Amino acid sequence: MIIMKIEYDNDKIIIFLYKQPLYLNDIEKLNKQIKNLFIKLIKNYKIDFFGFFKVIIYNNPQYGSILEIEKIYDSDFNHNIIDLKIIVIKNVDIFLEFDDNYFIEEYHKMIYRNGKYYLNIKDISNIMKYLEFGKIIYQNNS
């Protein structure tokens, strides 16, 4: 599983997985994927995970998933235990939010609202050019 972007938002960790298949219809396989992701975060990013976490997966089947990870409480007994509550929300729109638009080639597809510029990732020809400069925004589309 390749992590495309990690953002910290207050007490949450937000991870964008671009076009990474998740087993959304098989909870056991999905649980294993998420736990493996946690292990990768511990090893590669030195993030200390233990306790009970709520993981909300916002999925867009064409473009990827956003994982919103929030710690609910610590484990008092064992610092090697990760327990998960996984919630899956399908068919979300995923946008990138920018403060400026001077470097965006797809300017004709941009949305301007409240002093920010937005691009739906489905309208971006090369997401890699913009991912590091934009903040990931997602919403339920159902």
N, C-alpha and C. Protein backbone atom coordinates (compact mmCIF):
# COMPACT_ATOMS: atom_id res chain seq x y z
N MET A 1 0.84 -1.17 0.00
CA MET A 1 0.00 0.00 0.00
C MET A 1 0.89 1.24 0.00
N ILE A 2 0.72 2.09 -1.00
CA ILE A 2 1.55 3.28 -1.14
C ILE A 2 0.78 4.48 -0.58
N ILE A 3 1.40 5.14 0.38
CA ILE A 3 0.80 6.34 0.97
C ILE A 3 1.19 7.52 0.10
N MET A 4 0.20 8.25 -0.39
CA MET A 4 0.49 9.38 -1.27
C MET A 4 0.70 10.67 -0.47
N LYS A 5 -0.05 10.85 0.59
CA LYS A 5 0.05 12.09 1.35
C LYS A 5 -0.48 11.86 2.76
N ILE A 6 0.20 12.45 3.72
CA ILE A 6 -0.24 12.42 5.12
C ILE A 6 -0.41 13.86 5.58
N GLU A 7 -1.55 14.15 6.20
CA GLU A 7 -1.81 15.46 6.79
C GLU A 7 -2.22 15.27 8.24
N TYR A 8 -1.89 16.22 9.05
CA TYR A 8 -2.31 16.23 10.45
C TYR A 8 -3.33 17.34 10.62
N ASP A 9 -4.47 17.00 11.18
CA ASP A 9 -5.54 17.97 11.39
C ASP A 9 -6.04 17.80 12.82
N ASN A 10 -5.57 18.68 13.70
CA ASN A 10 -5.86 18.61 15.13
C ASN A 10 -5.41 17.24 15.67
N ASP A 11 -6.33 16.44 16.14
CA ASP A 11 -5.99 15.13 16.70
C ASP A 11 -6.16 14.00 15.68
N LYS A 12 -6.31 14.34 14.42
CA LYS A 12 -6.54 13.33 13.39
C LYS A 12 -5.35 13.25 12.45
N ILE A 13 -5.14 12.06 11.93
CA ILE A 13 -4.18 11.86 10.85
C ILE A 13 -5.00 11.53 9.61
N ILE A 14 -4.73 12.23 8.52
CA ILE A 14 -5.47 12.03 7.29
C ILE A 14 -4.50 11.51 6.24
N ILE A 15 -4.83 10.38 5.65
CA ILE A 15 -3.96 9.72 4.68
C ILE A 15 -4.71 9.57 3.36
N PHE A 16 -4.05 9.95 2.29
CA PHE A 16 -4.61 9.80 0.95
C PHE A 16 -3.91 8.64 0.26
N LEU A 17 -4.69 7.67 -0.17
CA LEU A 17 -4.19 6.53 -0.93
C LEU A 17 -4.73 6.64 -2.36
N TYR A 18 -3.88 7.03 -3.28
CA TYR A 18 -4.31 7.27 -4.66
C TYR A 18 -4.37 5.95 -5.41
N LYS A 19 -5.57 5.61 -5.87
CA LYS A 19 -5.82 4.40 -6.67
C LYS A 19 -5.27 3.15 -6.00
N GLN A 20 -5.45 3.03 -4.70
CA GLN A 20 -5.02 1.85 -3.95
C GLN A 20 -6.26 1.02 -3.64
N PRO A 21 -6.30 -0.22 -4.08
CA PRO A 21 -7.49 -1.04 -3.80
C PRO A 21 -7.58 -1.42 -2.33
N LEU A 22 -8.74 -1.23 -1.76
CA LEU A 22 -9.03 -1.65 -0.40
C LEU A 22 -10.17 -2.65 -0.45
N TYR A 23 -10.15 -3.62 0.44
CA TYR A 23 -11.19 -4.64 0.51
C TYR A 23 -12.37 -4.10 1.31
N LEU A 24 -13.14 -3.22 0.69
CA LEU A 24 -14.23 -2.54 1.40
C LEU A 24 -15.39 -3.47 1.73
N ASN A 25 -15.53 -4.56 1.00
CA ASN A 25 -16.65 -5.48 1.23
C ASN A 25 -16.26 -6.71 2.03
N ASP A 26 -15.02 -6.78 2.48
CA ASP A 26 -14.55 -7.90 3.29
C ASP A 26 -13.86 -7.34 4.53
N ILE A 27 -14.58 -7.27 5.63
CA ILE A 27 -14.10 -6.57 6.83
C ILE A 27 -12.83 -7.19 7.40
N GLU A 28 -12.69 -8.50 7.30
CA GLU A 28 -11.47 -9.14 7.83
C GLU A 28 -10.24 -8.73 7.02
N LYS A 29 -10.36 -8.76 5.69
CA LYS A 29 -9.24 -8.35 4.83
C LYS A 29 -8.96 -6.86 4.99
N LEU A 30 -10.02 -6.06 5.09
CA LEU A 30 -9.85 -4.61 5.27
C LEU A 30 -9.16 -4.31 6.59
N ASN A 31 -9.56 -5.00 7.65
CA ASN A 31 -8.95 -4.83 8.97
C ASN A 31 -7.45 -5.14 8.90
N LYS A 32 -7.10 -6.20 8.19
CA LYS A 32 -5.70 -6.57 8.03
C LYS A 32 -4.93 -5.50 7.24
N GLN A 33 -5.55 -4.98 6.17
CA GLN A 33 -4.91 -3.91 5.39
C GLN A 33 -4.63 -2.68 6.25
N ILE A 34 -5.61 -2.30 7.06
CA ILE A 34 -5.46 -1.11 7.89
C ILE A 34 -4.40 -1.34 8.96
N LYS A 35 -4.39 -2.50 9.56
CA LYS A 35 -3.35 -2.80 10.55
C LYS A 35 -1.96 -2.80 9.91
N ASN A 36 -1.83 -3.33 8.69
CA ASN A 36 -0.55 -3.27 7.99
C ASN A 36 -0.15 -1.83 7.68
N LEU A 37 -1.12 -1.00 7.37
CA LEU A 37 -0.85 0.42 7.16
C LEU A 37 -0.32 1.06 8.44
N PHE A 38 -0.92 0.72 9.57
CA PHE A 38 -0.46 1.24 10.86
C PHE A 38 0.99 0.81 11.11
N ILE A 39 1.31 -0.44 10.81
CA ILE A 39 2.68 -0.93 10.99
C ILE A 39 3.65 -0.13 10.11
N LYS A 40 3.24 0.14 8.88
CA LYS A 40 4.07 0.94 7.98
C LYS A 40 4.27 2.35 8.53
N LEU A 41 3.23 2.94 9.06
CA LEU A 41 3.34 4.28 9.64
C LEU A 41 4.27 4.28 10.85
N ILE A 42 4.19 3.24 11.66
CA ILE A 42 5.07 3.13 12.84
C ILE A 42 6.53 3.02 12.40
N LYS A 43 6.80 2.16 11.41
CA LYS A 43 8.17 1.93 10.97
C LYS A 43 8.75 3.10 10.18
N ASN A 44 8.00 3.61 9.23
CA ASN A 44 8.54 4.60 8.30
C ASN A 44 8.38 6.05 8.75
N TYR A 45 7.36 6.33 9.54
CA TYR A 45 7.08 7.71 9.91
C TYR A 45 7.24 7.96 11.40
N LYS A 46 7.62 6.92 12.13
CA LYS A 46 7.86 7.03 13.58
C LYS A 46 6.64 7.56 14.33
N ILE A 47 5.46 7.16 13.87
CA ILE A 47 4.22 7.53 14.56
C ILE A 47 3.91 6.42 15.55
N ASP A 48 3.67 6.78 16.79
CA ASP A 48 3.44 5.81 17.85
C ASP A 48 1.95 5.51 17.96
N PHE A 49 1.54 4.33 17.54
CA PHE A 49 0.15 3.91 17.60
C PHE A 49 -0.02 2.83 18.66
N PHE A 50 -0.90 3.07 19.59
CA PHE A 50 -1.39 2.03 20.48
C PHE A 50 -2.71 2.54 21.04
N GLY A 51 -3.60 1.63 21.31
CA GLY A 51 -4.89 2.02 21.85
C GLY A 51 -6.02 1.72 20.88
N PHE A 52 -7.12 2.44 21.05
CA PHE A 52 -8.33 2.25 20.26
C PHE A 52 -8.48 3.43 19.31
N PHE A 53 -8.65 3.13 18.01
CA PHE A 53 -8.74 4.15 16.98
C PHE A 53 -10.02 4.00 16.17
N LYS A 54 -10.57 5.13 15.78
CA LYS A 54 -11.67 5.16 14.81
C LYS A 54 -11.05 5.52 13.47
N VAL A 55 -11.29 4.68 12.46
CA VAL A 55 -10.78 4.91 11.11
C VAL A 55 -11.99 5.06 10.19
N ILE A 56 -12.14 6.25 9.63
CA ILE A 56 -13.20 6.47 8.65
C ILE A 56 -12.54 6.46 7.27
N ILE A 57 -13.05 5.60 6.40
CA ILE A 57 -12.52 5.49 5.05
C ILE A 57 -13.52 6.16 4.11
N TYR A 58 -13.09 7.24 3.48
CA TYR A 58 -13.87 7.92 2.47
C TYR A 58 -13.35 7.42 1.13
N ASN A 59 -14.18 6.70 0.38
CA ASN A 59 -13.71 6.03 -0.82
C ASN A 59 -14.33 6.61 -2.08
N ASN A 60 -13.48 6.80 -3.08
CA ASN A 60 -13.91 7.09 -4.43
C ASN A 60 -13.33 5.98 -5.29
N PRO A 61 -14.16 5.10 -5.85
CA PRO A 61 -13.64 3.90 -6.53
C PRO A 61 -12.70 4.19 -7.69
N GLN A 62 -12.81 5.35 -8.32
CA GLN A 62 -11.92 5.69 -9.44
C GLN A 62 -10.59 6.26 -8.99
N TYR A 63 -10.58 7.01 -7.89
CA TYR A 63 -9.40 7.83 -7.58
C TYR A 63 -8.72 7.49 -6.27
N GLY A 64 -9.35 6.75 -5.40
CA GLY A 64 -8.66 6.37 -4.18
C GLY A 64 -9.48 6.54 -2.93
N SER A 65 -8.77 6.55 -1.81
CA SER A 65 -9.42 6.61 -0.50
C SER A 65 -8.70 7.61 0.40
N ILE A 66 -9.48 8.20 1.27
CA ILE A 66 -8.97 9.04 2.34
C ILE A 66 -9.23 8.28 3.62
N LEU A 67 -8.19 8.12 4.43
CA LEU A 67 -8.36 7.50 5.74
C LEU A 67 -8.20 8.58 6.80
N GLU A 68 -9.21 8.74 7.58
CA GLU A 68 -9.20 9.71 8.68
C GLU A 68 -9.06 8.90 9.97
N ILE A 69 -7.92 9.03 10.62
CA ILE A 69 -7.59 8.21 11.79
C ILE A 69 -7.62 9.09 13.03
N GLU A 70 -8.43 8.68 14.00
CA GLU A 70 -8.55 9.44 15.24
C GLU A 70 -8.43 8.49 16.43
N LYS A 71 -7.54 8.84 17.36
CA LYS A 71 -7.39 8.02 18.57
C LYS A 71 -8.55 8.32 19.50
N ILE A 72 -9.21 7.23 19.95
CA ILE A 72 -10.34 7.37 20.87
C ILE A 72 -9.83 7.31 22.31
N TYR A 73 -8.99 6.32 22.61
CA TYR A 73 -8.36 6.26 23.93
C TYR A 73 -7.12 5.38 23.89
N ASP A 74 -6.24 5.58 24.87
CA ASP A 74 -5.01 4.81 24.99
C ASP A 74 -5.28 3.47 25.64
N SER A 75 -4.38 2.53 25.38
CA SER A 75 -4.41 1.25 26.07
C SER A 75 -3.53 1.36 27.31
N ASP A 76 -4.12 1.15 28.46
CA ASP A 76 -3.37 1.26 29.72
C ASP A 76 -2.50 0.05 29.98
N PHE A 77 -2.83 -1.08 29.39
CA PHE A 77 -2.17 -2.32 29.75
C PHE A 77 -1.03 -2.70 28.80
N ASN A 78 -1.25 -2.52 27.52
CA ASN A 78 -0.27 -3.02 26.57
C ASN A 78 -0.07 -1.99 25.46
N HIS A 79 1.14 -1.54 25.28
CA HIS A 79 1.43 -0.55 24.24
C HIS A 79 1.66 -1.18 22.88
N ASN A 80 1.41 -2.46 22.74
CA ASN A 80 1.55 -3.14 21.46
C ASN A 80 0.20 -3.50 20.84
N ILE A 81 -0.89 -3.02 21.43
CA ILE A 81 -2.22 -3.37 20.94
C ILE A 81 -2.83 -2.19 20.20
N ILE A 82 -3.33 -2.49 19.00
CA ILE A 82 -4.08 -1.52 18.21
C ILE A 82 -5.45 -2.13 17.97
N ASP A 83 -6.48 -1.41 18.39
CA ASP A 83 -7.85 -1.86 18.17
C ASP A 83 -8.52 -0.83 17.28
N LEU A 84 -9.33 -1.29 16.33
CA LEU A 84 -9.89 -0.41 15.32
C LEU A 84 -11.40 -0.49 15.25
N LYS A 85 -12.01 0.67 15.04
CA LYS A 85 -13.41 0.75 14.62
C LYS A 85 -13.35 1.36 13.23
N ILE A 86 -13.76 0.60 12.22
CA ILE A 86 -13.65 1.04 10.83
C ILE A 86 -15.03 1.39 10.30
N ILE A 87 -15.13 2.57 9.71
CA ILE A 87 -16.37 3.04 9.08
C ILE A 87 -16.02 3.34 7.62
N VAL A 88 -16.82 2.82 6.68
CA VAL A 88 -16.58 3.03 5.26
C VAL A 88 -17.69 3.91 4.70
N ILE A 89 -17.29 4.99 4.02
CA ILE A 89 -18.23 5.86 3.32
C ILE A 89 -17.83 5.84 1.85
N LYS A 90 -18.72 5.38 1.01
CA LYS A 90 -18.41 5.21 -0.41
C LYS A 90 -18.87 6.42 -1.23
N ASN A 91 -18.30 6.54 -2.41
CA ASN A 91 -18.68 7.54 -3.41
C ASN A 91 -18.53 8.97 -2.91
N VAL A 92 -17.34 9.32 -2.53
CA VAL A 92 -17.06 10.69 -2.09
C VAL A 92 -16.36 11.46 -3.21
N ASP A 93 -16.54 12.75 -3.20
CA ASP A 93 -15.77 13.62 -4.08
C ASP A 93 -14.51 14.01 -3.34
N ILE A 94 -13.38 13.99 -4.04
CA ILE A 94 -12.10 14.34 -3.45
C ILE A 94 -11.55 15.55 -4.20
N PHE A 95 -11.23 16.60 -3.45
CA PHE A 95 -10.72 17.84 -4.02
C PHE A 95 -9.35 18.16 -3.43
N LEU A 96 -8.62 18.99 -4.13
CA LEU A 96 -7.43 19.63 -3.58
C LEU A 96 -7.74 21.11 -3.43
N GLU A 97 -7.37 21.66 -2.27
CA GLU A 97 -7.61 23.06 -1.96
C GLU A 97 -6.28 23.82 -2.03
N PHE A 98 -6.30 24.98 -2.69
CA PHE A 98 -5.10 25.79 -2.86
C PHE A 98 -5.35 27.23 -2.43
N ASP A 99 -4.30 27.89 -1.98
CA ASP A 99 -4.38 29.32 -1.67
C ASP A 99 -4.18 30.16 -2.93
N ASP A 100 -3.35 29.67 -3.87
CA ASP A 100 -3.06 30.37 -5.12
C ASP A 100 -3.41 29.49 -6.29
N ASN A 101 -3.56 30.12 -7.45
CA ASN A 101 -3.84 29.34 -8.66
C ASN A 101 -2.82 29.58 -9.76
N TYR A 102 -1.73 30.27 -9.46
CA TYR A 102 -0.79 30.67 -10.50
C TYR A 102 -0.08 29.50 -11.17
N PHE A 103 0.04 28.35 -10.51
CA PHE A 103 0.77 27.22 -11.07
C PHE A 103 -0.15 26.11 -11.57
N ILE A 104 -1.44 26.33 -11.51
CA ILE A 104 -2.40 25.29 -11.86
C ILE A 104 -2.76 25.40 -13.34
N GLU A 105 -2.45 24.36 -14.08
CA GLU A 105 -2.72 24.35 -15.52
C GLU A 105 -4.21 24.15 -15.82
N GLU A 106 -4.90 23.42 -14.98
CA GLU A 106 -6.32 23.15 -15.19
C GLU A 106 -7.18 24.26 -14.58
N TYR A 107 -6.75 25.53 -14.76
CA TYR A 107 -7.42 26.66 -14.13
C TYR A 107 -8.87 26.80 -14.58
N HIS A 108 -9.19 26.37 -15.78
CA HIS A 108 -10.55 26.48 -16.29
C HIS A 108 -11.51 25.51 -15.58
N LYS A 109 -10.96 24.55 -14.85
CA LYS A 109 -11.79 23.59 -14.11
C LYS A 109 -11.84 23.90 -12.61
N MET A 110 -11.24 25.01 -12.22
CA MET A 110 -11.16 25.35 -10.80
C MET A 110 -12.46 25.94 -10.29
N ILE A 111 -12.65 25.76 -9.01
CA ILE A 111 -13.77 26.38 -8.30
C ILE A 111 -13.17 27.37 -7.32
N TYR A 112 -13.67 28.59 -7.30
CA TYR A 112 -13.19 29.59 -6.35
C TYR A 112 -14.30 29.85 -5.34
N ARG A 113 -13.97 29.66 -4.06
CA ARG A 113 -14.98 29.85 -3.01
C ARG A 113 -14.28 30.28 -1.72
N ASN A 114 -14.77 31.34 -1.11
CA ASN A 114 -14.28 31.83 0.17
C ASN A 114 -12.76 32.03 0.19
N GLY A 115 -12.22 32.60 -0.88
CA GLY A 115 -10.80 32.92 -0.93
C GLY A 115 -9.88 31.75 -1.21
N LYS A 116 -10.43 30.58 -1.56
CA LYS A 116 -9.63 29.39 -1.85
C LYS A 116 -9.99 28.87 -3.24
N TYR A 117 -9.04 28.14 -3.83
CA TYR A 117 -9.24 27.51 -5.12
C TYR A 117 -9.33 26.00 -4.93
N TYR A 118 -10.25 25.37 -5.65
CA TYR A 118 -10.47 23.93 -5.51
C TYR A 118 -10.45 23.25 -6.87
N LEU A 119 -9.84 22.06 -6.88
CA LEU A 119 -9.86 21.21 -8.06
C LEU A 119 -10.33 19.82 -7.65
N ASN A 120 -11.32 19.30 -8.36
CA ASN A 120 -11.73 17.92 -8.15
C ASN A 120 -10.63 17.04 -8.76
N ILE A 121 -10.18 16.02 -8.04
CA ILE A 121 -9.06 15.24 -8.56
C ILE A 121 -9.41 14.53 -9.86
N LYS A 122 -10.68 14.35 -10.15
CA LYS A 122 -11.04 13.73 -11.42
C LYS A 122 -10.73 14.66 -12.60
N ASP A 123 -10.56 15.95 -12.33
CA ASP A 123 -10.26 16.92 -13.37
C ASP A 123 -8.78 17.22 -13.51
N ILE A 124 -7.94 16.54 -12.74
CA ILE A 124 -6.50 16.81 -12.75
C ILE A 124 -5.81 15.75 -13.60
N SER A 125 -5.07 16.21 -14.61
CA SER A 125 -4.39 15.26 -15.50
C SER A 125 -3.16 14.62 -14.84
N ASN A 126 -2.44 15.38 -14.02
CA ASN A 126 -1.26 14.85 -13.35
C ASN A 126 -1.30 15.25 -11.88
N ILE A 127 -1.90 14.41 -11.07
CA ILE A 127 -2.10 14.74 -9.66
C ILE A 127 -0.79 14.93 -8.90
N MET A 128 0.27 14.28 -9.34
CA MET A 128 1.55 14.37 -8.64
C MET A 128 2.08 15.80 -8.61
N LYS A 129 1.76 16.59 -9.63
CA LYS A 129 2.23 17.98 -9.67
C LYS A 129 1.61 18.83 -8.57
N TYR A 130 0.43 18.47 -8.15
CA TYR A 130 -0.33 19.33 -7.24
C TYR A 130 -0.46 18.81 -5.82
N LEU A 131 -0.23 17.54 -5.63
CA LEU A 131 -0.51 16.90 -4.35
C LEU A 131 0.24 17.53 -3.18
N GLU A 132 1.48 17.91 -3.39
CA GLU A 132 2.25 18.46 -2.27
C GLU A 132 1.82 19.89 -1.92
N PHE A 133 1.18 20.60 -2.85
CA PHE A 133 0.80 21.98 -2.61
C PHE A 133 -0.64 22.14 -2.14
N GLY A 134 -1.46 21.12 -2.36
CA GLY A 134 -2.88 21.23 -2.04
C GLY A 134 -3.25 20.49 -0.77
N LYS A 135 -4.25 20.98 -0.12
CA LYS A 135 -4.83 20.30 1.05
C LYS A 135 -5.96 19.41 0.54
N ILE A 136 -6.04 18.20 1.04
CA ILE A 136 -7.05 17.25 0.61
C ILE A 136 -8.39 17.59 1.27
N ILE A 137 -9.40 17.72 0.45
CA ILE A 137 -10.77 18.00 0.91
C ILE A 137 -11.65 16.88 0.37
N TYR A 138 -12.54 16.38 1.19
CA TYR A 138 -13.38 15.27 0.76
C TYR A 138 -14.76 15.45 1.36
N GLN A 139 -15.75 14.92 0.63
CA GLN A 139 -17.13 15.01 1.11
C GLN A 139 -17.95 13.86 0.57
N ASN A 140 -18.95 13.51 1.33
CA ASN A 140 -19.84 12.43 0.93
C ASN A 140 -20.68 12.91 -0.25
N ASN A 141 -20.81 12.06 -1.26
CA ASN A 141 -21.50 12.43 -2.48
C ASN A 141 -22.85 11.73 -2.60
N SER A 142 -23.30 11.07 -1.54
CA SER A 142 -24.56 10.33 -1.67
C SER A 142 -25.74 11.12 -1.17
